[in-house]
Protein backbone atom coordinates (compact mmCIF):
# COMPACT_ATOMS: atom_id res chain seq x y z
CA MET A 1 14.52 -104.64 -68.17
CA ALA A 2 12.53 -101.75 -69.79
CA ASP A 3 12.17 -102.06 -73.96
CA ALA A 4 14.56 -98.78 -74.28
CA ASP A 5 17.22 -100.42 -72.66
CA VAL A 6 17.24 -103.60 -74.54
CA LEU A 7 19.76 -103.19 -77.47
CA ASP A 8 18.79 -105.09 -81.19
CA GLN A 9 21.13 -107.11 -83.16
CA GLU A 10 21.62 -104.08 -85.42
CA GLU A 11 23.29 -101.65 -81.94
CA ILE A 12 24.93 -104.74 -81.09
CA ASP A 13 27.14 -105.31 -84.02
CA SER A 14 27.75 -101.51 -84.17
CA LEU A 15 29.03 -101.67 -80.80
CA LEU A 16 31.37 -104.62 -80.89
CA SER A 17 32.74 -103.03 -84.46
CA ALA A 18 32.76 -99.53 -81.99
CA LEU A 19 35.33 -101.82 -79.85
CA ASP A 20 37.63 -103.58 -82.29
CA SER A 21 37.99 -100.43 -83.93
CA GLY A 22 39.13 -98.24 -80.83
CA ASP A 23 36.78 -95.84 -81.09
CA VAL A 24 35.12 -96.54 -77.66
CA ASP A 25 37.36 -96.92 -74.64
CA VAL A 26 36.60 -99.79 -72.43
CA ASP A 27 38.24 -98.26 -69.30
CA GLU A 28 36.82 -94.92 -69.98
CA MET A 29 33.11 -96.40 -69.83
CA LYS A 30 34.04 -98.33 -66.51
CA GLU A 31 34.81 -94.77 -64.85
CA GLU A 32 31.96 -93.26 -65.98
CA GLU A 33 29.79 -96.11 -64.68
CA GLU A 34 31.62 -96.11 -61.32
CA ASP A 35 31.08 -92.21 -61.13
CA ALA A 36 27.18 -92.95 -61.27
CA VAL A 37 27.45 -95.25 -58.63
CA LYS A 38 26.49 -93.78 -55.13
CA GLU A 39 27.69 -95.57 -52.24
CA TYR A 40 25.51 -96.87 -49.42
CA ASP A 41 26.51 -97.75 -45.98
CA PHE A 42 24.23 -100.62 -44.30
CA ARG A 43 25.45 -99.85 -41.21
CA ARG A 44 24.03 -96.33 -41.01
CA PRO A 45 20.77 -96.81 -43.20
CA ASP A 46 18.73 -93.22 -43.94
CA LYS A 47 15.40 -93.65 -42.02
CA LEU A 48 13.70 -90.96 -43.28
CA SER A 49 13.27 -90.29 -47.19
CA LYS A 50 13.65 -86.46 -48.49
CA GLU A 51 9.76 -85.46 -48.26
CA GLN A 52 10.03 -86.26 -44.26
CA MET A 53 13.51 -84.82 -43.83
CA ARG A 54 11.90 -81.28 -45.83
CA THR A 55 8.53 -81.37 -43.26
CA LEU A 56 11.07 -81.54 -40.05
CA GLN A 57 12.97 -78.55 -41.78
CA MET A 58 9.40 -76.58 -42.41
CA ILE A 59 8.80 -77.34 -38.37
CA HIS A 60 12.54 -76.17 -37.18
CA GLU A 61 12.27 -73.03 -39.57
CA ASN A 62 9.05 -72.13 -38.11
CA MET A 63 10.75 -72.69 -34.35
CA MET A 64 13.77 -70.47 -35.30
CA ARG A 65 11.38 -67.85 -36.46
CA LEU A 66 9.59 -68.23 -32.74
CA LEU A 67 12.75 -68.30 -31.25
CA THR A 68 14.20 -65.14 -32.29
CA THR A 69 11.42 -63.30 -31.32
CA THR A 70 11.56 -64.96 -27.73
CA LEU A 71 14.95 -64.54 -27.39
CA SER A 72 15.28 -60.87 -28.89
CA THR A 73 12.88 -60.00 -26.46
CA LYS A 74 14.44 -61.67 -23.44
CA LEU A 75 17.87 -60.43 -24.25
CA ARG A 76 17.32 -56.97 -26.08
CA THR A 77 19.76 -57.24 -28.49
CA VAL A 78 19.68 -58.49 -32.05
CA VAL A 79 19.45 -62.33 -32.67
CA ASP A 80 19.07 -64.36 -35.69
CA PHE A 81 18.55 -67.78 -35.76
CA GLU A 82 18.89 -70.23 -39.34
CA VAL A 83 18.56 -73.78 -40.05
CA ALA A 84 21.56 -74.56 -41.71
CA SER A 85 21.47 -78.44 -41.67
CA ILE A 86 19.30 -81.63 -41.45
CA GLU A 87 21.37 -84.70 -41.28
CA GLN A 88 20.86 -88.39 -40.51
CA LEU A 89 23.92 -89.77 -38.07
CA SER A 90 24.82 -92.18 -35.65
CA TYR A 91 24.55 -91.15 -32.19
CA GLU A 92 27.98 -91.71 -31.82
CA GLU A 93 29.08 -89.85 -34.74
CA PHE A 94 27.12 -86.70 -33.44
CA THR A 95 28.62 -87.02 -29.68
CA ARG A 96 32.46 -87.13 -31.41
CA SER A 97 31.82 -83.69 -33.27
CA LEU A 98 30.85 -81.97 -30.11
CA PRO A 99 33.15 -79.66 -28.17
CA GLU A 100 34.29 -80.60 -24.55
CA PRO A 101 33.27 -78.61 -22.42
CA THR A 102 29.78 -77.89 -24.29
CA ILE A 103 26.33 -76.94 -22.75
CA ILE A 104 24.11 -80.06 -23.38
CA GLY A 105 20.56 -80.18 -22.19
CA ILE A 106 18.81 -83.85 -21.67
CA SER A 107 15.21 -83.23 -22.18
CA GLU A 108 12.16 -85.40 -22.99
CA LEU A 109 9.36 -84.77 -25.38
CA ASP A 110 5.84 -86.24 -23.87
CA PRO A 111 3.91 -88.06 -25.19
CA LEU A 112 6.87 -89.51 -27.12
CA SER A 113 9.08 -92.01 -24.98
CA GLY A 114 12.71 -91.51 -24.50
CA GLN A 115 15.27 -88.60 -24.41
CA PHE A 116 16.69 -86.27 -26.85
CA LEU A 117 19.82 -83.41 -26.59
CA LEU A 118 19.70 -79.71 -26.94
CA GLU A 119 23.22 -78.60 -27.36
CA ILE A 120 24.34 -74.98 -27.35
CA ASN A 121 27.94 -74.26 -28.38
CA PRO A 122 29.66 -72.50 -25.65
CA ASP A 123 30.34 -69.48 -27.36
CA ILE A 124 26.52 -68.62 -27.91
CA GLY A 125 25.63 -70.17 -24.35
CA PHE A 126 28.15 -67.77 -22.31
CA ALA A 127 27.08 -64.75 -25.05
CA ILE A 128 23.78 -65.21 -23.55
CA ILE A 129 24.81 -65.41 -20.15
CA ASP A 130 26.91 -62.41 -20.61
CA ARG A 131 24.21 -60.42 -22.02
CA LEU A 132 21.25 -61.57 -19.26
CA PHE A 133 24.22 -60.36 -16.42
CA GLY A 134 24.37 -56.69 -18.37
CA GLY A 135 27.15 -57.63 -20.76
CA PHE A 136 27.28 -56.87 -24.52
CA GLY A 137 26.89 -60.78 -25.52
CA ARG A 138 30.60 -61.66 -25.64
CA PRO A 139 31.60 -65.25 -25.43
CA ILE A 140 34.47 -66.35 -22.79
CA GLU A 141 37.87 -66.14 -23.71
CA GLU A 142 38.92 -69.60 -22.64
CA GLY A 143 36.49 -72.79 -22.78
CA ARG A 144 35.08 -73.98 -18.97
CA SER A 145 32.30 -75.60 -17.43
CA PHE A 146 30.07 -73.30 -16.15
CA THR A 147 29.10 -72.66 -12.47
CA ASP A 148 26.42 -73.20 -10.23
CA ILE A 149 24.98 -69.87 -10.91
CA GLU A 150 25.65 -70.30 -14.42
CA GLU A 151 23.82 -73.52 -14.48
CA THR A 152 21.06 -71.92 -12.81
CA VAL A 153 20.66 -69.07 -15.97
CA LEU A 154 21.39 -71.96 -18.61
CA LYS A 155 18.28 -74.11 -17.50
CA LYS A 156 16.11 -71.29 -17.75
CA VAL A 157 17.71 -70.62 -21.23
CA LEU A 158 17.06 -74.01 -22.31
CA ASN A 159 13.37 -73.84 -21.11
CA TRP A 160 13.16 -70.67 -23.38
CA PHE A 161 14.54 -72.94 -26.23
CA LEU A 162 12.11 -76.25 -25.46
CA SER A 163 9.02 -73.85 -24.72
CA THR A 164 9.26 -72.98 -28.79
CA MET A 165 8.68 -76.60 -29.82
CA PRO A 166 4.61 -77.17 -29.03
CA GLU A 167 3.51 -74.68 -31.36
CA ALA A 168 6.35 -75.41 -33.96
CA TRP A 169 5.19 -78.94 -34.11
CA GLU A 170 1.34 -78.45 -33.84
CA ASN A 171 0.42 -79.43 -37.07
CA ILE A 172 2.16 -82.84 -36.07
CA LEU A 173 1.61 -83.63 -32.50
CA ASP A 174 1.01 -81.77 -29.31
CA LEU A 175 4.21 -81.86 -27.62
CA ASN A 176 5.41 -81.14 -23.86
CA PRO A 177 9.19 -81.08 -23.81
CA ARG A 178 10.50 -80.87 -20.51
CA LEU A 179 14.38 -80.36 -19.41
CA ARG A 180 15.95 -83.34 -17.07
CA GLU A 181 19.32 -82.29 -16.57
CA LEU A 182 22.45 -80.06 -17.45
CA GLU A 183 25.46 -81.33 -19.10
CA SER A 184 28.88 -80.24 -20.32
CA ASN A 185 30.46 -83.59 -21.36
CA PRO A 186 28.72 -84.99 -24.48
CA GLN A 187 30.33 -88.77 -23.06
CA PHE A 188 28.33 -88.46 -20.17
CA THR A 189 24.87 -88.12 -22.44
CA GLN A 190 24.40 -91.90 -23.70
CA ILE A 191 20.59 -91.32 -23.97
CA VAL A 192 20.42 -94.37 -27.10
CA PRO A 193 23.07 -96.62 -28.25
CA SER A 194 26.13 -95.63 -30.11
CA ASN A 195 25.04 -96.82 -33.36
CA ASP A 196 21.55 -96.08 -33.51
CA MET A 197 20.51 -93.16 -35.96
CA THR A 198 19.70 -89.86 -35.08
CA ILE A 199 18.31 -86.54 -36.79
CA ILE A 200 20.34 -83.76 -36.08
CA ILE A 201 18.92 -80.37 -36.74
CA THR A 202 21.51 -77.58 -37.48
CA PHE A 203 21.18 -73.79 -36.45
CA SER A 204 23.16 -71.02 -37.04
CA ALA A 205 23.39 -68.60 -34.15
CA ARG A 206 23.93 -64.77 -34.19
CA ILE A 207 23.46 -63.06 -30.41
CA GLY A 208 24.89 -59.78 -30.24
CA GLU A 209 28.80 -60.08 -31.09
CA SER A 210 28.91 -64.23 -31.11
CA GLU A 211 28.25 -66.58 -33.36
CA GLY A 212 27.58 -70.22 -33.19
CA LEU A 213 26.02 -73.63 -33.81
CA ILE A 214 23.01 -75.23 -31.66
CA ASN A 215 22.10 -78.63 -32.26
CA ILE A 216 18.84 -80.86 -31.48
CA CYS A 217 19.70 -84.61 -31.55
CA LEU A 218 16.38 -86.64 -31.86
CA PRO A 219 16.97 -90.36 -31.58
CA TYR A 220 14.93 -92.03 -34.52
CA ILE A 221 13.24 -94.33 -32.15
CA MET A 222 11.55 -91.47 -30.66
CA LEU A 223 10.49 -90.33 -33.76
CA GLU A 224 9.49 -93.42 -35.09
CA PRO A 225 5.51 -93.52 -33.98
CA ILE A 226 4.78 -90.64 -35.79
CA VAL A 227 7.50 -90.75 -39.10
CA PRO A 228 4.46 -91.77 -41.34
CA GLN A 229 2.92 -88.25 -40.07
CA LEU A 230 6.17 -86.35 -41.38
CA SER A 231 4.37 -85.67 -44.81
CA ALA A 232 3.31 -82.61 -46.62
CA GLN A 233 0.23 -83.74 -46.26
CA GLN A 234 -0.26 -84.22 -43.13
CA TRP A 235 1.51 -81.23 -42.57
CA PHE A 236 -1.03 -79.17 -44.72
CA ALA A 237 -4.06 -81.61 -43.53
CA SER A 238 -5.72 -78.93 -40.84
CA SER A 239 -8.38 -77.65 -42.61
CA ARG A 240 -8.11 -73.55 -42.43
CA GLU A 241 -11.29 -73.46 -40.48
CA GLU A 242 -9.94 -75.73 -37.64
CA GLN A 243 -6.61 -73.80 -37.80
CA THR A 244 -8.32 -70.56 -37.26
CA ALA A 245 -10.34 -71.80 -34.45
CA ARG A 246 -7.00 -73.16 -33.05
CA HIS A 247 -5.36 -69.81 -33.60
CA LEU A 248 -8.16 -67.48 -31.99
CA ASP A 249 -8.41 -70.15 -28.95
CA LYS A 250 -4.71 -69.56 -28.26
CA LEU A 251 -5.14 -65.82 -29.09
CA LYS A 252 -8.04 -65.66 -25.98
CA LYS A 253 -5.92 -67.42 -23.84
CA ARG A 254 -2.80 -65.13 -24.31
CA VAL A 255 -5.11 -62.03 -24.18
CA ARG A 256 -6.25 -63.32 -20.67
CA LYS A 257 -2.80 -63.74 -19.38
CA ALA A 258 -1.85 -60.14 -21.01
CA PRO A 259 -0.82 -57.54 -18.20
CA LEU A 260 -3.24 -54.64 -17.98
CA GLU A 261 -2.50 -51.28 -15.86
CA LEU A 262 -5.61 -49.96 -14.22
CA GLN A 263 -5.78 -46.16 -12.88
CA VAL A 264 -7.84 -45.01 -9.85
CA GLU A 265 -9.26 -41.78 -10.41
CA LEU A 266 -10.02 -40.53 -6.72
CA GLY A 267 -11.17 -36.92 -8.26
CA SER A 268 -10.02 -33.51 -10.38
CA THR A 269 -9.60 -30.30 -9.71
CA GLU A 270 -7.88 -27.10 -11.29
CA LEU A 271 -4.55 -25.51 -10.23
CA THR A 272 -2.93 -22.35 -11.28
CA VAL A 273 1.21 -23.28 -12.25
CA SER A 274 2.32 -21.27 -9.34
CA ASP A 275 -0.06 -22.91 -7.10
CA LEU A 276 1.19 -26.31 -8.22
CA LEU A 277 4.65 -25.16 -8.02
CA TYR A 278 4.50 -24.13 -4.23
CA LEU A 279 2.64 -27.37 -3.24
CA GLU A 280 4.41 -28.88 -0.04
CA LYS A 281 3.44 -32.25 2.19
CA GLY A 282 0.61 -31.87 4.01
CA ASP A 283 -1.27 -28.81 1.99
CA VAL A 284 -4.85 -29.93 1.28
CA VAL A 285 -6.30 -29.73 -2.19
CA ARG A 286 -10.00 -30.02 -2.78
CA MET A 287 -11.41 -32.34 -5.07
CA ASP A 288 -14.75 -32.37 -7.20
CA LYS A 289 -15.71 -35.55 -5.45
CA ILE A 290 -17.12 -36.27 -1.71
CA THR A 291 -15.32 -39.44 0.12
CA ASP A 292 -18.25 -41.64 0.25
CA GLU A 293 -18.66 -40.88 -3.93
CA MET A 294 -17.04 -44.22 -5.98
CA ALA A 295 -13.97 -43.79 -7.81
CA ASP A 296 -13.76 -44.26 -11.08
CA VAL A 297 -11.48 -47.03 -12.71
CA ARG A 298 -9.71 -46.62 -16.10
CA ILE A 299 -7.92 -48.64 -18.57
CA GLY A 300 -6.17 -46.78 -20.94
CA SER A 301 -8.69 -43.61 -21.46
CA ASN A 302 -11.63 -45.47 -21.26
CA ILE A 303 -13.62 -45.95 -17.66
CA LYS A 304 -14.44 -49.63 -16.94
CA TYR A 305 -15.25 -49.90 -13.45
CA ARG A 306 -16.32 -48.10 -10.19
CA GLY A 307 -15.50 -48.80 -6.99
CA ILE A 308 -14.94 -48.07 -3.03
CA ILE A 309 -11.45 -47.03 -2.02
CA GLY A 310 -10.40 -48.46 1.56
CA THR A 311 -7.81 -50.99 2.95
CA ARG A 312 -7.42 -54.98 2.96
CA HIS A 313 -4.52 -56.79 5.33
CA LYS A 314 -3.00 -52.80 5.75
CA HIS A 315 -2.81 -52.25 2.01
CA LYS A 316 -4.60 -49.71 0.01
CA ALA A 317 -7.39 -51.26 -1.57
CA LEU A 318 -10.14 -51.05 -4.14
CA LYS A 319 -13.39 -52.63 -4.51
CA ILE A 320 -15.24 -53.03 -7.63
CA MET A 321 -19.08 -52.13 -7.05
CA GLU A 322 -19.95 -51.97 -10.73
CA VAL A 323 -18.87 -52.31 -14.35
CA VAL A 324 -19.20 -49.50 -16.65
CA GLU A 325 -20.79 -50.70 -20.06
CA GLN A 326 -18.85 -48.83 -23.19
CA GLU A 327 -21.21 -48.07 -25.96
CA GLU A 328 -20.44 -48.71 -29.56
CA GLY A 329 -17.63 -45.59 -30.76
CA ASP A 330 -17.03 -44.91 -27.20
CA VAL A 331 -13.83 -47.40 -27.03
CA ASP A 332 -10.61 -45.66 -27.44
CA ASP A 333 -8.78 -47.29 -30.57
CA GLU A 334 -5.34 -46.22 -28.63
């Protein structure tokens, strides 16, 4: 005990005197002491510290930003996600809190062993389906299981959710999430024993005219190998240079996959408006290039290649013959 907690003889005498005179109520002191005591259930101990829980919150806030961008593009409607809470619950408590039927994706998270759950409230899940099928994003009026066609669509939607996890977790570990199966009954998703502790990340979601909750259930036994890395120090451990190099590499990969529209210019000519209006099928328009001359290939307004027009396997084709080097200042900023 610290010296500040030890009473000297004078303080002890003063306290006993106050008790005898009734100035101090013993029952009231007991109640205050009981109020200061926090109950601790040894059957369901907290596995993660507050700092580790804050790190998980930062990870999934980043995931929600990515998911908002992804689904807004896919659904072409107002989409909003926020981290509502992060809790440590037993697996049984979590499954009992879920509606039935619901939408549950049983997934893996390589290289971590085991499985985790991604649960989407039916109001949100069916609103996404309605939007993808051309509707306004309204939920269904009565709860029901999904049809075979809806199951196929929901698997694609769950994969959209999972695709945002690697980038959200990149400061901690390189993850590869993979959807294993789709289930509607929480009782058929026994991925860990009932008393095992899990980390439940709950998101509030708004899609079109619908609102609901989305849950990620991560068993502690799955996260246990990387628990020491779930700290603020680890989160910011990567130097700015390493992050910049990694981000540039990712940016280059995305740019390589970006689609570009190529325009092949066969030639040009000048026509009056009256000639253009009276053009008909079979008319011949004289161009400024001969048939053997190479055609210009444009990306945007810039000529990038030159090639020969022809056919390949009965399809119109262009064979690139040369690359046109651009001089500095010639590239169109648009």
